[in-house]
């Protein structure tokens, strides 16, 4: 399976907007949502078999 990283990024950012997280994403002091989003996007570069464990770990640290 192969998709465009740009479109993945856009989909995740739109979802954040729907969840009213854009303001927190752009907060210059609290970068936790921005960092979480970037870590989520990094899954695109992981071996598929590692994604479930990484997602579980990331989910446990969700700053929301």
Protein backbone atom coordinates (compact mmCIF):
# COMPACT_ATOMS: atom_id res chain seq x y z
CA UNK A 1 0.00 0.00 0.00
CA UNK A 2 1.35 3.39 -0.94
CA UNK A 3 -0.15 6.80 -0.36
CA UNK A 4 1.03 10.37 -0.42
CA UNK A 5 2.51 11.64 2.86
CA UNK A 6 1.21 15.13 2.08
CA UNK A 7 -2.38 13.86 1.99
CA UNK A 8 -1.89 11.91 5.21
CA UNK A 9 -0.63 15.09 6.86
CA UNK A 10 -3.59 17.07 5.51
CA UNK A 11 -6.07 14.45 6.74
CA UNK A 12 -4.63 14.43 10.24
CA UNK A 13 -4.53 18.24 10.38
CA UNK A 14 -8.17 18.48 9.22
CA UNK A 15 -9.17 15.96 11.86
CA UNK A 16 -7.42 18.10 14.48
CA UNK A 17 -9.42 21.09 13.28
CA UNK A 18 -12.65 19.08 13.63
CA UNK A 19 -11.62 18.21 17.18
CA UNK A 20 -10.96 21.93 17.88
CA UNK A 21 -7.26 21.33 18.55
CA UNK A 22 -5.85 23.78 16.02
CA UNK A 23 -5.38 26.54 18.59
CA UNK A 24 -3.46 24.18 20.89
CA UNK A 25 -1.45 22.92 17.90
CA UNK A 26 -0.32 26.48 17.15
CA UNK A 27 0.39 27.39 20.79
CA UNK A 28 4.00 28.68 20.94
CA UNK A 29 4.35 27.77 24.63
CA UNK A 30 2.71 24.35 24.84
CA UNK A 31 4.01 22.29 21.93
CA UNK A 32 2.58 18.97 23.17
CA UNK A 33 -0.19 18.66 20.55
CA UNK A 34 2.19 19.62 17.74
CA UNK A 35 4.76 17.09 18.96
CA UNK A 36 2.09 14.39 19.33
CA UNK A 37 0.89 15.05 15.77
CA UNK A 38 4.41 14.82 14.37
CA UNK A 39 4.98 11.55 16.21
CA UNK A 40 1.70 10.23 14.78
CA UNK A 41 2.85 11.18 11.28
CA UNK A 42 6.14 9.36 11.83
CA UNK A 43 4.22 6.06 11.73
CA UNK A 44 4.27 6.41 7.95
CA UNK A 45 8.01 5.63 8.06
CA UNK A 46 7.82 2.64 10.43
CA UNK A 47 7.68 -0.99 9.49
CA UNK A 48 4.03 -2.02 9.52
CA UNK A 49 4.54 -4.69 12.18
CA UNK A 50 5.85 -2.04 14.63
CA UNK A 51 2.93 0.39 14.27
CA UNK A 52 0.44 -1.24 16.73
CA UNK A 53 2.92 -1.22 19.63
CA UNK A 54 4.09 2.30 18.79
CA UNK A 55 0.48 3.49 18.61
CA UNK A 56 -0.27 1.99 22.02
CA UNK A 57 2.75 3.74 23.49
CA UNK A 58 1.85 7.05 21.85
CA UNK A 59 -1.81 6.74 22.88
CA UNK A 60 -0.74 6.39 26.51
CA UNK A 61 1.07 9.75 26.30
CA UNK A 62 -1.74 11.71 24.60
CA UNK A 63 -1.61 15.26 26.01
CA UNK A 64 -5.31 15.97 25.44
